[in-house]
């Protein structure tokens, strides 16, 4: 199915929620920094492939958490699902609503909100909760798991995509390298990549009332595609992606900017499968499926 196949013209019932409250979240400034839409543009094809693999279809009520500007939300809506996208970053919510409006997708709406506190959403509201490299960054992971379970209908699914700590492929290494150039996190900080550990996933959803046989974890691949060299692709991370923006700022202050640039150059060149003038980089992640 192509993304241009389905454009609905009636407002879906699943989107009749009030504005989501936005409690204080330490990640808000990070994800409003720069312009993540520049990186998201390199993720569209894999986002569509992932939604296709989930069998999203007309009539499903879908919640996309940490949705950005709609890399997986738009493909879900094109397939006829009723979609609500929620993100902590106001600029990405605005960009998503522009994309939905320009595509004529009245079955899709974006709102600002915190994945660990979905106060405005009623229990058992969605057939499918999707969060691809999104909710893993929310604070209070136990609350995040509990909220995802709460808003999912009995018989519904939660599907997460989470970067894996220590994995040798692109994003796990970008996050690892960036962390080495920035100040240590505050006391009590729980790393987002713990969501890439099956034991942590099972513990969190187990605490939210999900039986262990309803939780499945598998390694999968997400591919970034950019019509330019790996060095040009790296420039998108450097200039527009919050964690690497912070790392470059800290490295510059410490006189280590060239060192960071060289380390990331080597990583991007090594991982590229697209040739000298085109970037195609696969990255491994943990795909989590929870059935309620």
C-alpha atoms as a PDB file:
ATOM      1  CA  UNK A   1       0.000   0.000   0.000  1.00  0.00           C
ATOM      2  CA  UNK A   2       1.328   3.446  -0.839  1.00  0.00           C
ATOM      3  CA  UNK A   3       1.066   6.327   1.596  1.00  0.00           C
ATOM      4  CA  UNK A   4      -1.321   8.145  -0.735  1.00  0.00           C
ATOM      5  CA  UNK A   5      -3.979   5.412  -0.615  1.00  0.00           C
ATOM      6  CA  UNK A   6      -6.368   6.510   2.157  1.00  0.00           C
ATOM      7  CA  UNK A   7      -7.557   9.980   3.182  1.00  0.00           C
ATOM      8  CA  UNK A   8     -10.602  10.011   5.422  1.00  0.00           C
ATOM      9  CA  UNK A   9     -13.047  12.897   5.602  1.00  0.00           C
ATOM     10  CA  UNK A  10     -14.816  12.385   8.922  1.00  0.00           C
ATOM     11  CA  UNK A  11     -13.438  13.096  12.381  1.00  0.00           C
ATOM     12  CA  UNK A  12     -12.696   9.809  14.195  1.00  0.00           C
ATOM     13  CA  UNK A  13     -14.160   9.192  17.621  1.00  0.00           C
ATOM     14  CA  UNK A  14     -10.786   8.174  19.041  1.00  0.00           C
ATOM     15  CA  UNK A  15      -9.505  11.718  18.586  1.00  0.00           C
ATOM     16  CA  UNK A  16     -12.208  13.342  20.670  1.00  0.00           C
ATOM     17  CA  UNK A  17      -9.913  13.859  23.653  1.00  0.00           C
ATOM     18  CA  UNK A  18      -9.361  17.144  25.392  1.00  0.00           C
ATOM     19  CA  UNK A  19      -6.011  18.873  25.218  1.00  0.00           C
ATOM     20  CA  UNK A  20      -3.448  16.795  27.031  1.00  0.00           C
ATOM     21  CA  UNK A  21      -1.885  18.400  30.054  1.00  0.00           C
ATOM     22  CA  UNK A  22       1.856  18.834  29.840  1.00  0.00           C
ATOM     23  CA  UNK A  23       3.519  18.418  33.233  1.00  0.00           C
ATOM     24  CA  UNK A  24       7.101  19.494  33.824  1.00  0.00           C
ATOM     25  CA  UNK A  25       9.404  17.113  31.997  1.00  0.00           C
ATOM     26  CA  UNK A  26      13.199  17.486  31.973  1.00  0.00           C
ATOM     27  CA  UNK A  27      13.306  16.129  28.417  1.00  0.00           C
ATOM     28  CA  UNK A  28      11.139  18.860  26.945  1.00  0.00           C
ATOM     29  CA  UNK A  29      13.983  21.309  26.323  1.00  0.00           C
ATOM     30  CA  UNK A  30      16.172  18.562  24.857  1.00  0.00           C
ATOM     31  CA  UNK A  31      13.644  17.524  22.212  1.00  0.00           C
ATOM     32  CA  UNK A  32      12.610  21.082  21.396  1.00  0.00           C
ATOM     33  CA  UNK A  33      16.254  21.908  20.764  1.00  0.00           C
ATOM     34  CA  UNK A  34      17.328  21.984  17.153  1.00  0.00           C
ATOM     35  CA  UNK A  35      14.934  20.501  14.596  1.00  0.00           C
ATOM     36  CA  UNK A  36      14.322  16.772  14.836  1.00  0.00           C
ATOM     37  CA  UNK A  37      12.221  16.925  11.654  1.00  0.00           C
ATOM     38  CA  UNK A  38      15.519  17.083   9.709  1.00  0.00           C
ATOM     39  CA  UNK A  39      16.513  13.674  11.078  1.00  0.00           C
ATOM     40  CA  UNK A  40      12.973  12.294  10.851  1.00  0.00           C
ATOM     41  CA  UNK A  41      13.077  12.913   7.097  1.00  0.00           C
ATOM     42  CA  UNK A  42      15.709  10.161   6.913  1.00  0.00           C
ATOM     43  CA  UNK A  43      13.457   7.737   8.816  1.00  0.00           C
ATOM     44  CA  UNK A  44      10.234   7.853   6.759  1.00  0.00           C
ATOM     45  CA  UNK A  45      10.658   4.728   4.649  1.00  0.00           C
ATOM     46  CA  UNK A  46      11.472   2.485   7.615  1.00  0.00           C
ATOM     47  CA  UNK A  47       8.593   4.027   9.570  1.00  0.00           C
ATOM     48  CA  UNK A  48       6.170   3.075   6.821  1.00  0.00           C
ATOM     49  CA  UNK A  49       7.615  -0.445   6.587  1.00  0.00           C
ATOM     50  CA  UNK A  50       7.210  -0.911  10.332  1.00  0.00           C
ATOM     51  CA  UNK A  51       3.568   0.173  10.328  1.00  0.00           C
ATOM     52  CA  UNK A  52       2.899  -2.145   7.391  1.00  0.00           C
ATOM     53  CA  UNK A  53       4.383  -5.032   9.395  1.00  0.00           C
ATOM     54  CA  UNK A  54       1.953  -4.326  12.252  1.00  0.00           C
ATOM     55  CA  UNK A  55      -1.092  -4.767  10.036  1.00  0.00           C
ATOM     56  CA  UNK A  56      -2.523  -1.350  10.841  1.00  0.00           C
ATOM     57  CA  UNK A  57      -5.866  -0.997   9.083  1.00  0.00           C
ATOM     58  CA  UNK A  58      -8.969   1.152   8.811  1.00  0.00           C
ATOM     59  CA  UNK A  59     -11.001   1.485  11.978  1.00  0.00           C
ATOM     60  CA  UNK A  60      -8.221   0.869  14.501  1.00  0.00           C
ATOM     61  CA  UNK A  61      -7.743   3.478  17.216  1.00  0.00           C
ATOM     62  CA  UNK A  62      -3.991   4.130  17.449  1.00  0.00           C
ATOM     63  CA  UNK A  63      -1.959   6.139  19.940  1.00  0.00           C
ATOM     64  CA  UNK A  64       1.547   7.082  18.773  1.00  0.00           C
ATOM     65  CA  UNK A  65       3.667   8.121  21.784  1.00  0.00           C
ATOM     66  CA  UNK A  66       6.791  10.194  21.313  1.00  0.00           C
ATOM     67  CA  UNK A  67       5.559  10.564  17.765  1.00  0.00           C
ATOM     68  CA  UNK A  68       7.780  13.424  16.618  1.00  0.00           C
ATOM     69  CA  UNK A  69       6.315  14.928  13.455  1.00  0.00           C
ATOM     70  CA  UNK A  70       4.621  11.694  12.436  1.00  0.00           C
ATOM     71  CA  UNK A  71       7.089   9.165  11.038  1.00  0.00           C
ATOM     72  CA  UNK A  72       4.815   6.310  12.117  1.00  0.00           C
ATOM     73  CA  UNK A  73       1.644   8.301  12.833  1.00  0.00           C
ATOM     74  CA  UNK A  74       1.101   9.380   9.223  1.00  0.00           C
ATOM     75  CA  UNK A  75       1.555   5.867   7.770  1.00  0.00           C
ATOM     76  CA  UNK A  76      -0.998   4.604  10.318  1.00  0.00           C
ATOM     77  CA  UNK A  77      -3.485   7.303   9.320  1.00  0.00           C
ATOM     78  CA  UNK A  78      -2.926   6.692   5.588  1.00  0.00           C
ATOM     79  CA  UNK A  79      -3.999   3.110   6.223  1.00  0.00           C
ATOM     80  CA  UNK A  80      -7.275   4.352   7.669  1.00  0.00           C
ATOM     81  CA  UNK A  81      -6.591   4.137  11.402  1.00  0.00           C
ATOM     82  CA  UNK A  82      -7.819   6.846  13.781  1.00  0.00           C
ATOM     83  CA  UNK A  83      -4.562   8.231  15.149  1.00  0.00           C
ATOM     84  CA  UNK A  84      -3.587  10.474  18.037  1.00  0.00           C
ATOM     85  CA  UNK A  85       0.097  11.476  18.140  1.00  0.00           C
ATOM     86  CA  UNK A  86       1.502  12.654  21.470  1.00  0.00           C
ATOM     87  CA  UNK A  87       4.925  14.244  21.924  1.00  0.00           C
ATOM     88  CA  UNK A  88       6.626  16.305  24.632  1.00  0.00           C
ATOM     89  CA  UNK A  89       8.036  18.792  22.103  1.00  0.00           C
ATOM     90  CA  UNK A  90       5.682  21.593  21.069  1.00  0.00           C
ATOM     91  CA  UNK A  91       7.584  22.279  17.840  1.00  0.00           C
ATOM     92  CA  UNK A  92       7.252  18.654  16.707  1.00  0.00           C
ATOM     93  CA  UNK A  93       3.543  18.593  17.557  1.00  0.00           C
ATOM     94  CA  UNK A  94       3.077  21.713  15.436  1.00  0.00           C
ATOM     95  CA  UNK A  95       5.074  20.194  12.567  1.00  0.00           C
ATOM     96  CA  UNK A  96       3.017  17.004  12.761  1.00  0.00           C
ATOM     97  CA  UNK A  97      -0.264  18.888  12.592  1.00  0.00           C
ATOM     98  CA  UNK A  98       1.002  20.748   9.523  1.00  0.00           C
ATOM     99  CA  UNK A  99       1.905  17.448   7.843  1.00  0.00           C
ATOM    100  CA  UNK A 100      -1.502  15.955   8.690  1.00  0.00           C
ATOM    101  CA  UNK A 101      -3.327  19.012   7.400  1.00  0.00           C
ATOM    102  CA  UNK A 102      -1.339  19.141   4.165  1.00  0.00           C
ATOM    103  CA  UNK A 103      -2.041  15.440   3.625  1.00  0.00           C
ATOM    104  CA  UNK A 104      -5.763  15.894   4.233  1.00  0.00           C
ATOM    105  CA  UNK A 105      -5.734  13.385   7.101  1.00  0.00           C
ATOM    106  CA  UNK A 106      -8.614  14.417   9.355  1.00  0.00           C
ATOM    107  CA  UNK A 107      -8.260  11.060  11.122  1.00  0.00           C
ATOM    108  CA  UNK A 108      -4.940  12.213  12.611  1.00  0.00           C
ATOM    109  CA  UNK A 109      -4.206  14.777  15.307  1.00  0.00           C
ATOM    110  CA  UNK A 110      -1.069  15.660  17.275  1.00  0.00           C
ATOM    111  CA  UNK A 111      -1.099  16.941  20.857  1.00  0.00           C
ATOM    112  CA  UNK A 112       1.542  17.860  23.391  1.00  0.00           C
ATOM    113  CA  UNK A 113       1.885  15.481  26.320  1.00  0.00           C
ATOM    114  CA  UNK A 114       4.127  13.373  28.539  1.00  0.00           C
ATOM    115  CA  UNK A 115       4.206   9.608  27.904  1.00  0.00           C
ATOM    116  CA  UNK A 116       4.598   8.969  31.628  1.00  0.00           C
ATOM    117  CA  UNK A 117       1.456  10.944  32.517  1.00  0.00           C
ATOM    118  CA  UNK A 118      -1.387  10.722  30.011  1.00  0.00           C
ATOM    119  CA  UNK A 119      -3.947  12.383  32.274  1.00  0.00           C
ATOM    120  CA  UNK A 120      -6.405  13.386  29.556  1.00  0.00           C
ATOM    121  CA  UNK A 121      -6.708   9.938  28.016  1.00  0.00           C
ATOM    122  CA  UNK A 122      -9.328   7.542  29.310  1.00  0.00           C
ATOM    123  CA  UNK A 123      -8.679   3.926  30.226  1.00  0.00           C
ATOM    124  CA  UNK A 124      -8.996   1.344  27.442  1.00  0.00           C
ATOM    125  CA  UNK A 125      -9.048   3.940  24.630  1.00  0.00           C
ATOM    126  CA  UNK A 126      -6.765   2.424  21.981  1.00  0.00           C
ATOM    127  CA  UNK A 127      -6.439  -0.815  20.052  1.00  0.00           C
ATOM    128  CA  UNK A 128      -2.753  -0.153  19.424  1.00  0.00           C
ATOM    129  CA  UNK A 129      -0.158   1.958  21.200  1.00  0.00           C
ATOM    130  CA  UNK A 130       2.954   2.523  19.078  1.00  0.00           C
ATOM    131  CA  UNK A 131       6.113   4.175  20.353  1.00  0.00           C
ATOM    132  CA  UNK A 132       9.191   3.956  18.152  1.00  0.00           C
ATOM    133  CA  UNK A 133      12.235   5.493  19.883  1.00  0.00           C
ATOM    134  CA  UNK A 134       9.796   7.749  21.738  1.00  0.00           C
ATOM    135  CA  UNK A 135       8.457   6.665  25.130  1.00  0.00           C
ATOM    136  CA  UNK A 136      11.829   5.135  25.962  1.00  0.00           C
ATOM    137  CA  UNK A 137      13.074   8.700  26.561  1.00  0.00           C
ATOM    138  CA  UNK A 138      10.269   9.620  28.976  1.00  0.00           C
ATOM    139  CA  UNK A 139      11.151   9.955  32.653  1.00  0.00           C
ATOM    140  CA  UNK A 140       9.730   7.503  35.201  1.00  0.00           C
ATOM    141  CA  UNK A 141       9.739   4.292  33.124  1.00  0.00           C
ATOM    142  CA  UNK A 142       7.442   2.415  35.524  1.00  0.00           C
ATOM    143  CA  UNK A 143       4.844   5.172  35.133  1.00  0.00           C
ATOM    144  CA  UNK A 144       5.324   5.101  31.358  1.00  0.00           C
ATOM    145  CA  UNK A 145       4.686   1.359  31.182  1.00  0.00           C
ATOM    146  CA  UNK A 146       1.665   1.696  33.457  1.00  0.00           C
ATOM    147  CA  UNK A 147       0.170   4.495  31.362  1.00  0.00           C
ATOM    148  CA  UNK A 148       0.631   2.581  28.103  1.00  0.00           C
ATOM    149  CA  UNK A 149      -1.116  -0.435  29.601  1.00  0.00           C
ATOM    150  CA  UNK A 150      -3.899   1.687  31.091  1.00  0.00           C
ATOM    151  CA  UNK A 151      -4.910   3.340  27.818  1.00  0.00           C
ATOM    152  CA  UNK A 152      -4.754   0.089  25.787  1.00  0.00           C
ATOM    153  CA  UNK A 153      -7.983  -1.862  25.364  1.00  0.00           C
ATOM    154  CA  UNK A 154      -8.239  -5.500  26.460  1.00  0.00           C
ATOM    155  CA  UNK A 155      -7.082  -7.550  23.487  1.00  0.00           C
ATOM    156  CA  UNK A 156      -5.024  -4.620  22.189  1.00  0.00           C
ATOM    157  CA  UNK A 157      -1.278  -4.281  21.633  1.00  0.00           C
ATOM    158  CA  UNK A 158       1.607  -2.083  22.670  1.00  0.00           C
ATOM    159  CA  UNK A 159       4.568  -2.004  20.273  1.00  0.00           C
ATOM    160  CA  UNK A 160       7.803  -0.306  21.310  1.00  0.00           C
ATOM    161  CA  UNK A 161      11.031   0.258  19.421  1.00  0.00           C
ATOM    162  CA  UNK A 162      13.939   0.845  21.834  1.00  0.00           C
ATOM    163  CA  UNK A 163      17.636   1.392  21.256  1.00  0.00           C
ATOM    164  CA  UNK A 164      19.852  -1.266  22.872  1.00  0.00           C
ATOM    165  CA  UNK A 165      22.647  -0.280  25.289  1.00  0.00           C
ATOM    166  CA  UNK A 166      26.090  -1.257  24.062  1.00  0.00           C
ATOM    167  CA  UNK A 167      24.858  -2.293  20.624  1.00  0.00           C
ATOM    168  CA  UNK A 168      27.578  -1.665  18.015  1.00  0.00           C
ATOM    169  CA  UNK A 169      25.214  -0.103  15.440  1.00  0.00           C
ATOM    170  CA  UNK A 170      24.570   3.568  14.824  1.00  0.00           C
ATOM    171  CA  UNK A 171      22.211   5.117  17.377  1.00  0.00           C
ATOM    172  CA  UNK A 172      23.383   3.199  20.425  1.00  0.00           C
ATOM    173  CA  UNK A 173      26.911   4.314  19.587  1.00  0.00           C
ATOM    174  CA  UNK A 174      25.880   7.922  18.894  1.00  0.00           C
ATOM    175  CA  UNK A 175      24.251   8.050  22.339  1.00  0.00           C
ATOM    176  CA  UNK A 176      27.254   6.374  23.982  1.00  0.00           C
ATOM    177  CA  UNK A 177      29.780   8.684  22.347  1.00  0.00           C
ATOM    178  CA  UNK A 178      27.700  11.793  23.054  1.00  0.00           C
ATOM    179  CA  UNK A 179      27.382  10.860  26.729  1.00  0.00           C
ATOM    180  CA  UNK A 180      31.160  10.627  27.030  1.00  0.00           C
ATOM    181  CA  UNK A 181      31.505  14.317  26.127  1.00  0.00           C
ATOM    182  CA  UNK A 182      28.744  15.710  28.354  1.00  0.00           C
ATOM    183  CA  UNK A 183      28.334  16.147  32.096  1.00  0.00           C
ATOM    184  CA  UNK A 184      27.193  13.133  34.135  1.00  0.00           C
ATOM    185  CA  UNK A 185      23.402  12.874  34.496  1.00  0.00           C
ATOM    186  CA  UNK A 186      21.756  13.955  37.751  1.00  0.00           C
ATOM    187  CA  UNK A 187      21.397  11.539  40.662  1.00  0.00           C
ATOM    188  CA  UNK A 188      18.484   9.173  40.153  1.00  0.00           C
ATOM    189  CA  UNK A 189      18.602   9.414  36.369  1.00  0.00           C
ATOM    190  CA  UNK A 190      17.475   6.215  34.599  1.00  0.00           C
ATOM    191  CA  UNK A 191      19.048   5.803  31.195  1.00  0.00           C
ATOM    192  CA  UNK A 192      16.558   5.614  28.306  1.00  0.00           C
ATOM    193  CA  UNK A 193      18.463   2.696  26.786  1.00  0.00           C
ATOM    194  CA  UNK A 194      17.523   0.472  29.730  1.00  0.00           C
ATOM    195  CA  UNK A 195      14.315   0.051  27.677  1.00  0.00           C
ATOM    196  CA  UNK A 196      16.529  -1.892  25.268  1.00  0.00           C
ATOM    197  CA  UNK A 197      17.126  -4.582  27.901  1.00  0.00           C
ATOM    198  CA  UNK A 198      14.576  -7.395  27.874  1.00  0.00           C
ATOM    199  CA  UNK A 199      14.829  -7.909  31.630  1.00  0.00           C
ATOM    200  CA  UNK A 200      13.914  -4.260  32.288  1.00  0.00           C
ATOM    201  CA  UNK A 201      11.053  -4.394  29.781  1.00  0.00           C
ATOM    202  CA  UNK A 202       9.584  -7.478  31.439  1.00  0.00           C
ATOM    203  CA  UNK A 203       9.962  -6.010  34.909  1.00  0.00           C
ATOM    204  CA  UNK A 204       8.224  -2.744  33.969  1.00  0.00           C
ATOM    205  CA  UNK A 205       5.287  -4.272  32.157  1.00  0.00           C
ATOM    206  CA  UNK A 206       5.022  -6.965  34.799  1.00  0.00           C
ATOM    207  CA  UNK A 207       4.647  -4.250  37.419  1.00  0.00           C
ATOM    208  CA  UNK A 208       1.851  -2.799  35.252  1.00  0.00           C
ATOM    209  CA  UNK A 209      -0.050  -6.081  35.464  1.00  0.00           C
ATOM    210  CA  UNK A 210       1.002  -7.802  32.230  1.00  0.00           C
ATOM    211  CA  UNK A 211       1.699 -11.543  32.395  1.00  0.00           C
ATOM    212  CA  UNK A 212       5.148 -12.564  31.171  1.00  0.00           C
ATOM    213  CA  UNK A 213       3.744 -14.719  28.370  1.00  0.00           C
ATOM    214  CA  UNK A 214       2.085 -11.585  26.939  1.00  0.00           C
ATOM    215  CA  UNK A 215       5.453  -9.846  26.459  1.00  0.00           C
ATOM    216  CA  UNK A 216       7.655 -10.614  23.448  1.00  0.00           C
ATOM    217  CA  UNK A 217      11.039  -9.092  22.605  1.00  0.00           C
ATOM    218  CA  UNK A 218      13.059  -9.473  19.420  1.00  0.00           C
ATOM    219  CA  UNK A 219      15.898  -7.684  17.704  1.00  0.00           C
ATOM    220  CA  UNK A 220      14.951  -5.794  14.570  1.00  0.00           C
ATOM    221  CA  UNK A 221      16.548  -3.330  12.157  1.00  0.00           C
ATOM    222  CA  UNK A 222      15.650   0.271  11.392  1.00  0.00           C
ATOM    223  CA  UNK A 223      17.381   1.876   8.402  1.00  0.00           C
ATOM    224  CA  UNK A 224      18.261   5.545   8.030  1.00  0.00           C
ATOM    225  CA  UNK A 225      18.418   6.801   4.443  1.00  0.00           C
ATOM    226  CA  UNK A 226      19.909  10.091   3.283  1.00  0.00           C
ATOM    227  CA  UNK A 227      20.615  11.309  -0.256  1.00  0.00           C
ATOM    228  CA  UNK A 228      24.101  12.486   0.600  1.00  0.00           C
ATOM    229  CA  UNK A 229      27.394  11.368   2.118  1.00  0.00           C
ATOM    230  CA  UNK A 230      27.744   9.951   5.656  1.00  0.00           C
ATOM    231  CA  UNK A 231      29.513  13.156   6.679  1.00  0.00           C
ATOM    232  CA  UNK A 232      26.532  15.211   5.468  1.00  0.00           C
ATOM    233  CA  UNK A 233      24.206  12.880   7.380  1.00  0.00           C
ATOM    234  CA  UNK A 234      26.322  13.340  10.505  1.00  0.00           C
ATOM    235  CA  UNK A 235      25.914  17.109  10.107  1.00  0.00           C
ATOM    236  CA  UNK A 236      22.146  16.626  10.618  1.00  0.00           C
ATOM    237  CA  UNK A 237      22.839  14.955  13.962  1.00  0.00           C
ATOM    238  CA  UNK A 238      25.390  17.609  14.916  1.00  0.00           C
ATOM    239  CA  UNK A 239      23.183  20.581  14.058  1.00  0.00           C
ATOM    240  CA  UNK A 240      19.630  19.367  14.760  1.00  0.00           C
ATOM    241  CA  UNK A 241      19.535  16.354  17.153  1.00  0.00           C
ATOM    242  CA  UNK A 242      19.391  17.365  20.820  1.00  0.00           C
ATOM    243  CA  UNK A 243      21.788  14.810  22.375  1.00  0.00           C
ATOM    244  CA  UNK A 244      24.517  15.379  19.783  1.00  0.00           C
ATOM    245  CA  UNK A 245      23.972  19.145  19.825  1.00  0.00           C
ATOM    246  CA  UNK A 246      24.641  19.080  23.565  1.00  0.00           C
ATOM    247  CA  UNK A 247      27.679  16.860  23.085  1.00  0.00           C
ATOM    248  CA  UNK A 248      29.213  19.194  20.489  1.00  0.00           C
ATOM    249  CA  UNK A 249      28.554  22.231  22.676  1.00  0.00           C
ATOM    250  CA  UNK A 250      30.240  20.550  25.653  1.00  0.00           C
ATOM    251  CA  UNK A 251      33.118  19.272  23.520  1.00  0.00           C
ATOM    252  CA  UNK A 252      33.739  22.748  22.114  1.00  0.00           C
ATOM    253  CA  UNK A 253      33.810  24.225  25.586  1.00  0.00           C
ATOM    254  CA  UNK A 254      36.329  21.591  26.642  1.00  0.00           C
ATOM    255  CA  UNK A 255      38.492  21.984  23.546  1.00  0.00           C
ATOM    256  CA  UNK A 256      37.532  18.528  22.230  1.00  0.00           C
ATOM    257  CA  UNK A 257      35.192  19.360  19.356  1.00  0.00           C
ATOM    258  CA  UNK A 258      37.518  18.007  16.655  1.00  0.00           C
ATOM    259  CA  UNK A 259      37.956  14.810  18.661  1.00  0.00           C
ATOM    260  CA  UNK A 260      34.190  14.275  18.842  1.00  0.00           C
ATOM    261  CA  UNK A 261      33.790  15.065  15.139  1.00  0.00           C
ATOM    262  CA  UNK A 262      36.485  12.547  14.203  1.00  0.00           C
ATOM    263  CA  UNK A 263      34.998   9.820  16.409  1.00  0.00           C
ATOM    264  CA  UNK A 264      31.536  10.250  14.903  1.00  0.00           C
ATOM    265  CA  UNK A 265      32.926  10.546  11.348  1.00  0.00           C
ATOM    266  CA  UNK A 266      34.555   7.159  11.793  1.00  0.00           C
ATOM    267  CA  UNK A 267      31.328   5.641  13.132  1.00  0.00           C
ATOM    268  CA  UNK A 268      29.124   6.972  10.307  1.00  0.00           C
ATOM    269  CA  UNK A 269      31.572   5.894   7.607  1.00  0.00           C
ATOM    270  CA  UNK A 270      31.910   2.433   9.119  1.00  0.00           C
ATOM    271  CA  UNK A 271      28.164   1.839   9.417  1.00  0.00           C
ATOM    272  CA  UNK A 272      27.199   3.195   5.977  1.00  0.00           C
ATOM    273  CA  UNK A 273      26.002   0.659   3.410  1.00  0.00           C
ATOM    274  CA  UNK A 274      25.053   3.166   0.722  1.00  0.00           C
ATOM    275  CA  UNK A 275      28.366   4.143  -0.881  1.00  0.00           C
ATOM    276  CA  UNK A 276      30.328   7.385  -0.967  1.00  0.00           C
ATOM    277  CA  UNK A 277      27.533   9.693  -2.103  1.00  0.00           C
ATOM    278  CA  UNK A 278      24.532   8.074  -0.450  1.00  0.00           C
ATOM    279  CA  UNK A 279      23.918   7.090   3.146  1.00  0.00           C
ATOM    280  CA  UNK A 280      22.045   3.967   4.161  1.00  0.00           C
ATOM    281  CA  UNK A 281      22.722   2.922   7.732  1.00  0.00           C
ATOM    282  CA  UNK A 282      20.923   0.052   9.472  1.00  0.00           C
ATOM    283  CA  UNK A 283      20.574   0.250  13.239  1.00  0.00           C
ATOM    284  CA  UNK A 284      19.550  -2.560  15.570  1.00  0.00           C
ATOM    285  CA  UNK A 285      16.790  -2.030  18.127  1.00  0.00           C
ATOM    286  CA  UNK A 286      14.660  -4.072  20.516  1.00  0.00           C
ATOM    287  CA  UNK A 287      11.125  -4.507  19.234  1.00  0.00           C
ATOM    288  CA  UNK A 288       8.753  -5.107  22.119  1.00  0.00           C
ATOM    289  CA  UNK A 289       5.199  -6.400  21.674  1.00  0.00           C
ATOM    290  CA  UNK A 290       2.844  -6.455  24.634  1.00  0.00           C
ATOM    291  CA  UNK A 291      -0.635  -7.975  24.399  1.00  0.00           C
ATOM    292  CA  UNK A 292      -3.171  -6.882  26.989  1.00  0.00           C
END
